Amino acid sequence: MKSLSLCQRFLTSGSMPVERYTFTIYSDEPIEFQSYSGFAVRGLFFDLVKRISKDKAEELHVRKRLAPYSTTAIEILGSEWEVVYRRMPRGAARFSITLLDTDLSNIIKDLLLTGEVKSLTLKGRECRLASIEYTQLDAAKLVEEGRAVEKFAVRFRSPTYFRRTPVDIQRLFPAAKKMKQVKTPDLYRSHPLPDPVLLFRSLLRLWRAFSGASAKIPANEFKEWVELGGVALSGYPDSIRTIRVYEHPTTNKWVVGFVGEVHFSLPKDLYSEKYAKVVDALLKFGEYTNVGGGRSAGLGVIRYLDAG
């Protein structure tokens, strides 16, 4: 991982890395959000893309597959960086956009190189753009330099949820197979809990789609190992809690996600140094991509920690 100035980045980039832009902004007035600032950041990102390519913005809007980007919510600095839900006070704040697609990278690069982006608009308020920090990640090196962890922690910094698929539900609840197909409801269900299988399934999908190094990980074998119990929950030292956030003020569209620090371990009876290194690589990757649902709106932001 390396951090460069924007000028250096555009002169030295070669193959497509995972790229993150962290914007520091300043507002002279407080800004109010519906219930979660991440949705406003996603809207701002679409506005930036539209400045260069309305077609690309529309493509992203209607896309049903994994989003080729992720964002964070607005954050303000208190004792540490704190996620903004409803109200951003006047002063400095930051948010990040991670790009996982070459076209998007070129669009944002072209826009920023014009030097015309002096301010950004959030909820109708103009915020001065104080700085942009650029960071890139070489996913292939994550595997090559992976640590064989035995335990670890993940801090879920913004509301996180996963989805159980119809196959998951039928495995857990055999009665679901008896439902007639024509009457079967949408069996995808949100799961606002830190299930290791769902966590690493999400990370594997993102790795396969966007890392450019999918061959570096034996995905099917690793997935089976996790499903057998290769990664286990070991505790919530400070507890976790769920939060409901609303996307739109009139449609009543909302999601529930959990936040908090969760500890995991790799049980000795299934321990594999090879797969332990994959765990390490995927979690470092997830710090850029987010995990679970709503990644494009700053949901599923994680921080990977040593459990100590």
C-alpha atoms as a PDB file:
ATOM      1  CA  MET A   1       0.000   0.000   0.000  1.00  0.00           C
ATOM      2  CA  LYS A   2       1.298   3.446  -0.811  1.00  0.00           C
ATOM      3  CA  SER A   3       0.135   7.008  -0.559  1.00  0.00           C
ATOM      4  CA  LEU A   4       1.004   9.554  -3.249  1.00  0.00           C
ATOM      5  CA  SER A   5       0.096  13.046  -4.283  1.00  0.00           C
ATOM      6  CA  LEU A   6      -2.459  13.290  -7.071  1.00  0.00           C
ATOM      7  CA  CYS A   7       0.178  14.487  -9.516  1.00  0.00           C
ATOM      8  CA  GLN A   8       2.500  11.561  -8.779  1.00  0.00           C
ATOM      9  CA  ARG A   9      -0.377   9.134  -9.012  1.00  0.00           C
ATOM     10  CA  PHE A  10      -1.328  10.097 -12.536  1.00  0.00           C
ATOM     11  CA  LEU A  11       2.239   9.920 -13.778  1.00  0.00           C
ATOM     12  CA  THR A  12       3.105   6.557 -12.265  1.00  0.00           C
ATOM     13  CA  SER A  13      -0.057   4.463 -12.417  1.00  0.00           C
ATOM     14  CA  GLY A  14       0.128   1.294 -14.461  1.00  0.00           C
ATOM     15  CA  SER A  15      -2.304  -1.580 -14.070  1.00  0.00           C
ATOM     16  CA  MET A  16      -5.550  -0.810 -12.294  1.00  0.00           C
ATOM     17  CA  PRO A  17      -5.102  -0.846  -8.501  1.00  0.00           C
ATOM     18  CA  VAL A  18      -7.783  -0.377  -5.893  1.00  0.00           C
ATOM     19  CA  GLU A  19      -7.879   3.397  -5.501  1.00  0.00           C
ATOM     20  CA  ARG A  20      -9.175   5.519  -2.663  1.00  0.00           C
ATOM     21  CA  TYR A  21      -9.735   9.272  -2.588  1.00  0.00           C
ATOM     22  CA  THR A  22     -10.271  10.850   0.823  1.00  0.00           C
ATOM     23  CA  PHE A  23     -11.805  14.325   0.632  1.00  0.00           C
ATOM     24  CA  THR A  24     -11.458  16.784   3.501  1.00  0.00           C
ATOM     25  CA  ILE A  25     -14.146  19.457   3.374  1.00  0.00           C
ATOM     26  CA  TYR A  26     -15.112  22.483   5.438  1.00  0.00           C
ATOM     27  CA  SER A  27     -18.627  23.792   6.001  1.00  0.00           C
ATOM     28  CA  ASP A  28     -19.468  27.193   7.478  1.00  0.00           C
ATOM     29  CA  GLU A  29     -22.849  25.899   8.633  1.00  0.00           C
ATOM     30  CA  PRO A  30     -24.208  22.657  10.102  1.00  0.00           C
ATOM     31  CA  ILE A  31     -25.709  20.202   7.603  1.00  0.00           C
ATOM     32  CA  GLU A  32     -28.734  18.030   8.398  1.00  0.00           C
ATOM     33  CA  PHE A  33     -29.234  14.558   6.878  1.00  0.00           C
ATOM     34  CA  GLN A  34     -32.293  12.296   6.759  1.00  0.00           C
ATOM     35  CA  SER A  35     -30.778   9.636   9.024  1.00  0.00           C
ATOM     36  CA  TYR A  36     -27.378   8.723   7.608  1.00  0.00           C
ATOM     37  CA  SER A  37     -24.838  10.851   5.736  1.00  0.00           C
ATOM     38  CA  GLY A  38     -23.590   7.952   3.596  1.00  0.00           C
ATOM     39  CA  PHE A  39     -26.581   8.283   1.279  1.00  0.00           C
ATOM     40  CA  ALA A  40     -25.646  11.930   0.664  1.00  0.00           C
ATOM     41  CA  VAL A  41     -22.055  10.925  -0.132  1.00  0.00           C
ATOM     42  CA  ARG A  42     -23.333   8.462  -2.731  1.00  0.00           C
ATOM     43  CA  GLY A  43     -25.415  11.237  -4.279  1.00  0.00           C
ATOM     44  CA  LEU A  44     -22.384  13.519  -4.347  1.00  0.00           C
ATOM     45  CA  PHE A  45     -20.351  10.785  -6.054  1.00  0.00           C
ATOM     46  CA  PHE A  46     -22.985  10.446  -8.780  1.00  0.00           C
ATOM     47  CA  ASP A  47     -22.887  14.217  -9.289  1.00  0.00           C
ATOM     48  CA  LEU A  48     -19.109  14.062  -9.769  1.00  0.00           C
ATOM     49  CA  VAL A  49     -19.397  11.253 -12.318  1.00  0.00           C
ATOM     50  CA  LYS A  50     -22.152  13.127 -14.196  1.00  0.00           C
ATOM     51  CA  ARG A  51     -19.847  16.085 -14.734  1.00  0.00           C
ATOM     52  CA  ILE A  52     -17.755  13.932 -17.076  1.00  0.00           C
ATOM     53  CA  SER A  53     -20.117  11.150 -18.214  1.00  0.00           C
ATOM     54  CA  LYS A  54     -23.886  11.140 -17.740  1.00  0.00           C
ATOM     55  CA  ASP A  55     -23.985   7.747 -19.453  1.00  0.00           C
ATOM     56  CA  LYS A  56     -21.647   6.225 -16.865  1.00  0.00           C
ATOM     57  CA  ALA A  57     -23.662   7.717 -14.024  1.00  0.00           C
ATOM     58  CA  GLU A  58     -26.853   6.217 -15.457  1.00  0.00           C
ATOM     59  CA  GLU A  59     -25.147   2.854 -15.927  1.00  0.00           C
ATOM     60  CA  LEU A  60     -24.125   2.846 -12.268  1.00  0.00           C
ATOM     61  CA  HIS A  61     -27.602   3.881 -11.173  1.00  0.00           C
ATOM     62  CA  VAL A  62     -29.368   0.962 -12.882  1.00  0.00           C
ATOM     63  CA  ARG A  63     -26.638  -1.610 -12.264  1.00  0.00           C
ATOM     64  CA  LYS A  64     -27.890  -4.733 -10.473  1.00  0.00           C
ATOM     65  CA  ARG A  65     -24.494  -6.337  -9.935  1.00  0.00           C
ATOM     66  CA  LEU A  66     -21.848  -5.545  -7.326  1.00  0.00           C
ATOM     67  CA  ALA A  67     -21.113  -1.829  -7.251  1.00  0.00           C
ATOM     68  CA  PRO A  68     -17.610  -1.110  -8.628  1.00  0.00           C
ATOM     69  CA  TYR A  69     -17.046   1.505  -5.931  1.00  0.00           C
ATOM     70  CA  SER A  70     -17.625   2.047  -2.237  1.00  0.00           C
ATOM     71  CA  THR A  71     -17.869   5.099  -0.026  1.00  0.00           C
ATOM     72  CA  THR A  72     -17.726   6.065   3.604  1.00  0.00           C
ATOM     73  CA  ALA A  73     -20.181   8.290   5.395  1.00  0.00           C
ATOM     74  CA  ILE A  74     -19.161  11.771   6.461  1.00  0.00           C
ATOM     75  CA  GLU A  75     -16.811  11.595   9.444  1.00  0.00           C
ATOM     76  CA  ILE A  76     -15.844  14.254  11.966  1.00  0.00           C
ATOM     77  CA  LEU A  77     -12.891  14.217  14.323  1.00  0.00           C
ATOM     78  CA  GLY A  78     -13.676  13.924  18.010  1.00  0.00           C
ATOM     79  CA  SER A  79     -11.620  11.685  20.255  1.00  0.00           C
ATOM     80  CA  GLU A  80     -11.414   9.633  17.038  1.00  0.00           C
ATOM     81  CA  TRP A  81     -13.093   9.834  13.630  1.00  0.00           C
ATOM     82  CA  GLU A  82     -16.840   9.534  14.208  1.00  0.00           C
ATOM     83  CA  VAL A  83     -19.483   8.593  11.636  1.00  0.00           C
ATOM     84  CA  VAL A  84     -22.110  11.288  11.013  1.00  0.00           C
ATOM     85  CA  TYR A  85     -25.693  10.087  10.975  1.00  0.00           C
ATOM     86  CA  ARG A  86     -28.095  13.033  11.142  1.00  0.00           C
ATOM     87  CA  ARG A  87     -26.065  16.185  11.729  1.00  0.00           C
ATOM     88  CA  MET A  88     -22.687  17.398  10.562  1.00  0.00           C
ATOM     89  CA  PRO A  89     -21.563  20.384  12.665  1.00  0.00           C
ATOM     90  CA  ARG A  90     -19.855  23.338  11.086  1.00  0.00           C
ATOM     91  CA  GLY A  91     -16.135  22.876  10.528  1.00  0.00           C
ATOM     92  CA  ALA A  92     -13.967  20.184   8.998  1.00  0.00           C
ATOM     93  CA  ALA A  93     -15.112  16.703   7.984  1.00  0.00           C
ATOM     94  CA  ARG A  94     -14.020  13.958   5.625  1.00  0.00           C
ATOM     95  CA  PHE A  95     -15.319  11.105   3.500  1.00  0.00           C
ATOM     96  CA  SER A  96     -13.749   8.560   1.149  1.00  0.00           C
ATOM     97  CA  ILE A  97     -14.565   7.066  -2.239  1.00  0.00           C
ATOM     98  CA  THR A  98     -12.907   3.810  -3.317  1.00  0.00           C
ATOM     99  CA  LEU A  99     -12.821   2.976  -7.033  1.00  0.00           C
ATOM    100  CA  LEU A 100     -12.704  -0.598  -8.313  1.00  0.00           C
ATOM    101  CA  ASP A 101     -13.225   0.112 -12.017  1.00  0.00           C
ATOM    102  CA  THR A 102     -10.870   1.552 -14.652  1.00  0.00           C
ATOM    103  CA  ASP A 103     -13.551   3.708 -16.303  1.00  0.00           C
ATOM    104  CA  LEU A 104     -14.531   5.260 -12.990  1.00  0.00           C
ATOM    105  CA  SER A 105     -10.902   5.861 -12.143  1.00  0.00           C
ATOM    106  CA  ASN A 106     -10.362   7.716 -15.408  1.00  0.00           C
ATOM    107  CA  ILE A 107     -13.511   9.793 -14.932  1.00  0.00           C
ATOM    108  CA  ILE A 108     -12.547  10.940 -11.444  1.00  0.00           C
ATOM    109  CA  LYS A 109      -8.945  11.502 -12.537  1.00  0.00           C
ATOM    110  CA  ASP A 110     -10.045  13.643 -15.481  1.00  0.00           C
ATOM    111  CA  LEU A 111     -12.345  15.675 -13.265  1.00  0.00           C
ATOM    112  CA  LEU A 112      -9.787  16.329 -10.537  1.00  0.00           C
ATOM    113  CA  LEU A 113      -7.021  17.177 -12.990  1.00  0.00           C
ATOM    114  CA  THR A 114      -9.058  20.076 -14.344  1.00  0.00           C
ATOM    115  CA  GLY A 115      -8.465  21.876 -11.054  1.00  0.00           C
ATOM    116  CA  GLU A 116     -12.034  23.154 -11.239  1.00  0.00           C
ATOM    117  CA  VAL A 117     -13.323  21.228  -8.223  1.00  0.00           C
ATOM    118  CA  LYS A 118     -12.960  23.839  -5.492  1.00  0.00           C
ATOM    119  CA  SER A 119     -16.060  22.930  -3.513  1.00  0.00           C
ATOM    120  CA  LEU A 120     -18.562  20.104  -3.072  1.00  0.00           C
ATOM    121  CA  THR A 121     -22.286  20.322  -2.380  1.00  0.00           C
ATOM    122  CA  LEU A 122     -24.002  18.296   0.345  1.00  0.00           C
ATOM    123  CA  LYS A 123     -27.754  18.639   0.923  1.00  0.00           C
ATOM    124  CA  GLY A 124     -27.713  21.985  -0.863  1.00  0.00           C
ATOM    125  CA  ARG A 125     -24.827  23.349   1.217  1.00  0.00           C
ATOM    126  CA  GLU A 126     -21.582  24.282  -0.460  1.00  0.00           C
ATOM    127  CA  CYS A 127     -18.496  22.948   1.344  1.00  0.00           C
ATOM    128  CA  ARG A 128     -14.980  24.108   0.616  1.00  0.00           C
ATOM    129  CA  LEU A 129     -12.638  21.371  -0.562  1.00  0.00           C
ATOM    130  CA  ALA A 130      -9.588  21.560   1.704  1.00  0.00           C
ATOM    131  CA  SER A 131      -7.590  18.558   0.467  1.00  0.00           C
ATOM    132  CA  ILE A 132      -7.698  15.231  -1.356  1.00  0.00           C
ATOM    133  CA  GLU A 133      -5.586  12.305  -0.195  1.00  0.00           C
ATOM    134  CA  TYR A 134      -4.935   9.488  -2.662  1.00  0.00           C
ATOM    135  CA  THR A 135      -4.150   5.912  -1.609  1.00  0.00           C
ATOM    136  CA  GLN A 136      -3.808   2.811  -3.731  1.00  0.00           C
ATOM    137  CA  LEU A 137      -3.747  -0.868  -2.896  1.00  0.00           C
ATOM    138  CA  ASP A 138      -2.141  -3.724  -4.824  1.00  0.00           C
ATOM    139  CA  ALA A 139      -4.424  -6.651  -4.022  1.00  0.00           C
ATOM    140  CA  ALA A 140      -1.985  -9.301  -5.252  1.00  0.00           C
ATOM    141  CA  LYS A 141       0.550  -8.228  -2.637  1.00  0.00           C
ATOM    142  CA  LEU A 142      -1.988  -8.755   0.131  1.00  0.00           C
ATOM    143  CA  VAL A 143      -1.839 -12.497  -0.467  1.00  0.00           C
ATOM    144  CA  GLU A 144       1.916 -12.584  -0.987  1.00  0.00           C
ATOM    145  CA  GLU A 145       2.478 -10.686   2.258  1.00  0.00           C
ATOM    146  CA  GLY A 146      -0.420 -12.214   4.225  1.00  0.00           C
ATOM    147  CA  ARG A 147       0.004 -13.118   7.906  1.00  0.00           C
ATOM    148  CA  ALA A 148      -1.104 -16.490   9.228  1.00  0.00           C
ATOM    149  CA  VAL A 149      -3.459 -15.098  11.862  1.00  0.00           C
ATOM    150  CA  GLU A 150      -4.867 -17.168  14.720  1.00  0.00           C
ATOM    151  CA  LYS A 151      -7.328 -14.582  15.991  1.00  0.00           C
ATOM    152  CA  PHE A 152      -8.423 -11.118  14.954  1.00  0.00           C
ATOM    153  CA  ALA A 153     -11.054  -8.443  15.510  1.00  0.00           C
ATOM    154  CA  VAL A 154     -13.188  -6.430  13.137  1.00  0.00           C
ATOM    155  CA  ARG A 155     -14.676  -3.085  14.072  1.00  0.00           C
ATOM    156  CA  PHE A 156     -17.832  -2.582  12.053  1.00  0.00           C
ATOM    157  CA  ARG A 157     -17.715   1.213  11.908  1.00  0.00           C
ATOM    158  CA  SER A 158     -20.940   1.809  10.012  1.00  0.00           C
ATOM    159  CA  PRO A 159     -24.203  -0.168   9.892  1.00  0.00           C
ATOM    160  CA  THR A 160     -23.515  -3.556   8.321  1.00  0.00           C
ATOM    161  CA  TYR A 161     -25.830  -6.262   7.103  1.00  0.00           C
ATOM    162  CA  PHE A 162     -25.492  -9.353   4.952  1.00  0.00           C
ATOM    163  CA  ARG A 163     -28.011 -11.233   2.828  1.00  0.00           C
ATOM    164  CA  ARG A 164     -29.040 -14.833   3.199  1.00  0.00           C
ATOM    165  CA  THR A 165     -29.797 -16.391  -0.183  1.00  0.00           C
ATOM    166  CA  PRO A 166     -32.624 -18.839  -0.958  1.00  0.00           C
ATOM    167  CA  VAL A 167     -30.041 -21.647  -0.902  1.00  0.00           C
ATOM    168  CA  ASP A 168     -28.883 -20.590   2.576  1.00  0.00           C
ATOM    169  CA  ILE A 169     -32.442 -20.545   3.844  1.00  0.00           C
ATOM    170  CA  GLN A 170     -33.270 -23.955   2.389  1.00  0.00           C
ATOM    171  CA  ARG A 171     -30.169 -25.459   3.987  1.00  0.00           C
ATOM    172  CA  LEU A 172     -31.049 -24.027   7.376  1.00  0.00           C
ATOM    173  CA  PHE A 173     -34.789 -24.588   7.115  1.00  0.00           C
ATOM    174  CA  PRO A 174     -35.706 -27.649   5.017  1.00  0.00           C
ATOM    175  CA  ALA A 175     -39.393 -26.680   5.114  1.00  0.00           C
ATOM    176  CA  ALA A 176     -38.577 -23.843   2.703  1.00  0.00           C
ATOM    177  CA  LYS A 177     -38.097 -26.437  -0.048  1.00  0.00           C
ATOM    178  CA  LYS A 178     -41.750 -27.429   0.248  1.00  0.00           C
ATOM    179  CA  MET A 179     -43.006 -24.003  -0.795  1.00  0.00           C
ATOM    180  CA  LYS A 180     -44.484 -23.965  -4.284  1.00  0.00           C
ATOM    181  CA  GLN A 181     -42.338 -21.948  -6.641  1.00  0.00           C
ATOM    182  CA  VAL A 182     -45.187 -19.734  -7.845  1.00  0.00           C
ATOM    183  CA  LYS A 183     -46.000 -18.730  -4.281  1.00  0.00           C
ATOM    184  CA  THR A 184     -42.466 -18.432  -2.981  1.00  0.00           C
ATOM    185  CA  PRO A 185     -41.743 -14.921  -1.678  1.00  0.00           C
ATOM    186  CA  ASP A 186     -38.429 -13.191  -2.141  1.00  0.00           C
ATOM    187  CA  LEU A 187     -36.341 -15.428   0.089  1.00  0.00           C
ATOM    188  CA  TYR A 188     -33.414 -13.034   0.261  1.00  0.00           C
ATOM    189  CA  ARG A 189     -33.318 -11.869   3.849  1.00  0.00           C
ATOM    190  CA  SER A 190     -31.164  -9.256   5.513  1.00  0.00           C
ATOM    191  CA  HIS A 191     -29.001 -10.584   8.327  1.00  0.00           C
ATOM    192  CA  PRO A 192     -27.686  -7.822  10.640  1.00  0.00           C
ATOM    193  CA  LEU A 193     -25.274 -10.059  12.542  1.00  0.00           C
ATOM    194  CA  PRO A 194     -21.514 -10.780  12.135  1.00  0.00           C
ATOM    195  CA  ASP A 195     -21.809 -14.303  10.727  1.00  0.00           C
ATOM    196  CA  PRO A 196     -18.281 -15.427   9.657  1.00  0.00           C
ATOM    197  CA  VAL A 197     -19.649 -17.374   6.675  1.00  0.00           C
ATOM    198  CA  LEU A 198     -21.585 -14.385   5.339  1.00  0.00           C
ATOM    199  CA  LEU A 199     -18.701 -12.000   6.049  1.00  0.00           C
ATOM    200  CA  PHE A 200     -16.162 -14.011   4.088  1.00  0.00           C
ATOM    201  CA  ARG A 201     -18.627 -14.882   1.346  1.00  0.00           C
ATOM    202  CA  SER A 202     -19.081 -11.141   0.795  1.00  0.00           C
ATOM    203  CA  LEU A 203     -15.328 -10.579   0.759  1.00  0.00           C
ATOM    204  CA  LEU A 204     -14.765 -13.443  -1.686  1.00  0.00           C
ATOM    205  CA  ARG A 205     -17.337 -12.060  -4.127  1.00  0.00           C
ATOM    206  CA  LEU A 206     -15.658  -8.668  -4.037  1.00  0.00           C
ATOM    207  CA  TRP A 207     -12.207 -10.203  -4.416  1.00  0.00           C
ATOM    208  CA  ARG A 208     -13.270 -12.243  -7.444  1.00  0.00           C
ATOM    209  CA  ALA A 209     -14.946  -9.271  -9.079  1.00  0.00           C
ATOM    210  CA  PHE A 210     -12.462  -6.479  -8.434  1.00  0.00           C
ATOM    211  CA  SER A 211      -9.083  -7.563  -7.065  1.00  0.00           C
ATOM    212  CA  GLY A 212      -7.520  -8.446 -10.405  1.00  0.00           C
ATOM    213  CA  ALA A 213      -5.854 -11.276  -8.482  1.00  0.00           C
ATOM    214  CA  SER A 214      -8.637 -13.836  -8.158  1.00  0.00           C
ATOM    215  CA  ALA A 215      -6.288 -16.705  -9.026  1.00  0.00           C
ATOM    216  CA  LYS A 216      -4.224 -15.902  -5.921  1.00  0.00           C
ATOM    217  CA  ILE A 217      -6.934 -17.350  -3.665  1.00  0.00           C
ATOM    218  CA  PRO A 218      -8.440 -20.881  -3.851  1.00  0.00           C
ATOM    219  CA  ALA A 219     -11.924 -19.435  -3.450  1.00  0.00           C
ATOM    220  CA  ASN A 220     -14.068 -22.583  -3.418  1.00  0.00           C
ATOM    221  CA  GLU A 221     -11.791 -24.465  -1.037  1.00  0.00           C
ATOM    222  CA  PHE A 222     -11.508 -21.459   1.257  1.00  0.00           C
ATOM    223  CA  LYS A 223     -15.296 -20.977   1.265  1.00  0.00           C
ATOM    224  CA  GLU A 224     -15.827 -24.629   2.245  1.00  0.00           C
ATOM    225  CA  TRP A 225     -13.267 -24.284   5.044  1.00  0.00           C
ATOM    226  CA  VAL A 226     -15.084 -21.258   6.460  1.00  0.00           C
ATOM    227  CA  GLU A 227     -18.443 -23.043   6.198  1.00  0.00           C
ATOM    228  CA  LEU A 228     -17.001 -26.004   8.119  1.00  0.00           C
ATOM    229  CA  GLY A 229     -16.091 -23.667  10.982  1.00  0.00           C
ATOM    230  CA  GLY A 230     -12.596 -22.512  10.037  1.00  0.00           C
ATOM    231  CA  VAL A 231     -13.424 -19.041  11.401  1.00  0.00           C
ATOM    232  CA  ALA A 232     -15.461 -18.745  14.602  1.00  0.00           C
ATOM    233  CA  LEU A 233     -17.005 -15.925  16.607  1.00  0.00           C
ATOM    234  CA  SER A 234     -15.243 -15.519  19.932  1.00  0.00           C
ATOM    235  CA  GLY A 235     -16.927 -12.508  21.488  1.00  0.00           C
ATOM    236  CA  TYR A 236     -18.266  -8.960  21.568  1.00  0.00           C
ATOM    237  CA  PRO A 237     -16.137  -7.291  24.271  1.00  0.00           C
ATOM    238  CA  ASP A 238     -18.042  -4.009  24.134  1.00  0.00           C
ATOM    239  CA  SER A 239     -21.254  -5.442  22.637  1.00  0.00           C
ATOM    240  CA  ILE A 240     -22.783  -4.710  19.246  1.00  0.00           C
ATOM    241  CA  ARG A 241     -25.983  -2.845  18.464  1.00  0.00           C
ATOM    242  CA  THR A 242     -28.278  -2.428  15.493  1.00  0.00           C
ATOM    243  CA  ILE A 243     -29.172   0.857  13.823  1.00  0.00           C
ATOM    244  CA  ARG A 244     -31.960   1.569  11.339  1.00  0.00           C
ATOM    245  CA  VAL A 245     -31.124   4.129   8.648  1.00  0.00           C
ATOM    246  CA  TYR A 246     -33.545   5.642   6.137  1.00  0.00           C
ATOM    247  CA  GLU A 247     -32.496   6.237   2.553  1.00  0.00           C
ATOM    248  CA  HIS A 248     -35.320   8.495   1.451  1.00  0.00           C
ATOM    249  CA  PRO A 249     -37.644  10.843   3.379  1.00  0.00           C
ATOM    250  CA  THR A 250     -40.840   9.883   1.520  1.00  0.00           C
ATOM    251  CA  THR A 251     -40.524   6.255   0.362  1.00  0.00           C
ATOM    252  CA  ASN A 252     -39.862   4.867   3.857  1.00  0.00           C
ATOM    253  CA  LYS A 253     -37.000   2.809   2.415  1.00  0.00           C
ATOM    254  CA  TRP A 254     -34.704   1.685   5.230  1.00  0.00           C
ATOM    255  CA  VAL A 255     -32.132  -0.899   6.254  1.00  0.00           C
ATOM    256  CA  VAL A 256     -30.978  -2.241   9.612  1.00  0.00           C
ATOM    257  CA  GLY A 257     -27.310  -2.881  10.256  1.00  0.00           C
ATOM    258  CA  PHE A 258     -25.086  -3.643  13.229  1.00  0.00           C
ATOM    259  CA  VAL A 259     -22.063  -1.743  14.513  1.00  0.00           C
ATOM    260  CA  GLY A 260     -19.413  -2.596  17.073  1.00  0.00           C
ATOM    261  CA  GLU A 261     -16.227  -4.570  17.592  1.00  0.00           C
ATOM    262  CA  VAL A 262     -16.363  -8.326  17.061  1.00  0.00           C
ATOM    263  CA  HIS A 263     -13.641 -10.840  17.902  1.00  0.00           C
ATOM    264  CA  PHE A 264     -13.004 -13.960  15.847  1.00  0.00           C
ATOM    265  CA  SER A 265     -10.694 -16.945  16.157  1.00  0.00           C
ATOM    266  CA  LEU A 266      -9.448 -19.760  13.936  1.00  0.00           C
ATOM    267  CA  PRO A 267     -10.115 -23.025  15.841  1.00  0.00           C
ATOM    268  CA  LYS A 268      -7.081 -25.283  16.187  1.00  0.00           C
ATOM    269  CA  ASP A 269      -8.823 -28.427  14.931  1.00  0.00           C
ATOM    270  CA  LEU A 270      -9.375 -26.833  11.506  1.00  0.00           C
ATOM    271  CA  TYR A 271      -6.451 -24.425  11.492  1.00  0.00           C
ATOM    272  CA  SER A 272      -4.730 -23.931   8.142  1.00  0.00           C
ATOM    273  CA  GLU A 273      -1.812 -21.546   7.723  1.00  0.00           C
ATOM    274  CA  LYS A 274      -2.676 -21.236   4.033  1.00  0.00           C
ATOM    275  CA  TYR A 275      -6.255 -20.181   4.717  1.00  0.00           C
ATOM    276  CA  ALA A 276      -5.232 -18.023   7.686  1.00  0.00           C
ATOM    277  CA  LYS A 277      -3.216 -15.902   5.245  1.00  0.00           C
ATOM    278  CA  VAL A 278      -6.267 -15.631   2.996  1.00  0.00           C
ATOM    279  CA  VAL A 279      -8.289 -14.384   5.980  1.00  0.00           C
ATOM    280  CA  ASP A 280      -5.688 -11.667   6.522  1.00  0.00           C
ATOM    281  CA  ALA A 281      -5.640 -10.654   2.844  1.00  0.00           C
ATOM    282  CA  LEU A 282      -9.416 -10.520   2.456  1.00  0.00           C
ATOM    283  CA  LEU A 283      -9.937  -8.398   5.554  1.00  0.00           C
ATOM    284  CA  LYS A 284      -7.320  -5.879   4.432  1.00  0.00           C
ATOM    285  CA  PHE A 285      -9.075  -5.775   1.062  1.00  0.00           C
ATOM    286  CA  GLY A 286     -12.394  -5.257   2.834  1.00  0.00           C
ATOM    287  CA  GLU A 287     -11.094  -2.125   4.542  1.00  0.00           C
ATOM    288  CA  TYR A 288     -11.241  -0.563   1.075  1.00  0.00           C
ATOM    289  CA  THR A 289     -14.294  -2.241  -0.447  1.00  0.00           C
ATOM    290  CA  ASN A 290     -16.624  -2.349   2.590  1.00  0.00           C
ATOM    291  CA  VAL A 291     -18.626  -5.528   3.177  1.00  0.00           C
ATOM    292  CA  GLY A 292     -22.236  -6.679   2.903  1.00  0.00           C
ATOM    293  CA  GLY A 293     -25.073  -4.593   1.497  1.00  0.00           C
ATOM    294  CA  GLY A 294     -25.187  -0.860   0.820  1.00  0.00           C
ATOM    295  CA  ARG A 295     -21.443  -0.484   0.243  1.00  0.00           C
ATOM    296  CA  SER A 296     -22.028   2.339  -2.231  1.00  0.00           C
ATOM    297  CA  ALA A 297     -23.731   4.388   0.497  1.00  0.00           C
ATOM    298  CA  GLY A 298     -21.080   3.981   3.164  1.00  0.00           C
ATOM    299  CA  LEU A 299     -22.560   0.919   4.845  1.00  0.00           C
ATOM    300  CA  GLY A 300     -20.336  -1.985   5.857  1.00  0.00           C
ATOM    301  CA  VAL A 301     -17.217   0.075   6.594  1.00  0.00           C
ATOM    302  CA  ILE A 302     -14.780  -2.057   8.585  1.00  0.00           C
ATOM    303  CA  ARG A 303     -11.493  -1.738  10.386  1.00  0.00           C
ATOM    304  CA  TYR A 304      -9.382  -4.882  10.707  1.00  0.00           C
ATOM    305  CA  LEU A 305      -7.676  -5.173  14.097  1.00  0.00           C
ATOM    306  CA  ASP A 306      -5.273  -7.418  15.940  1.00  0.00           C
ATOM    307  CA  ALA A 307      -7.302  -9.123  18.673  1.00  0.00           C
ATOM    308  CA  GLY A 308      -4.289  -8.950  21.015  1.00  0.00           C
END
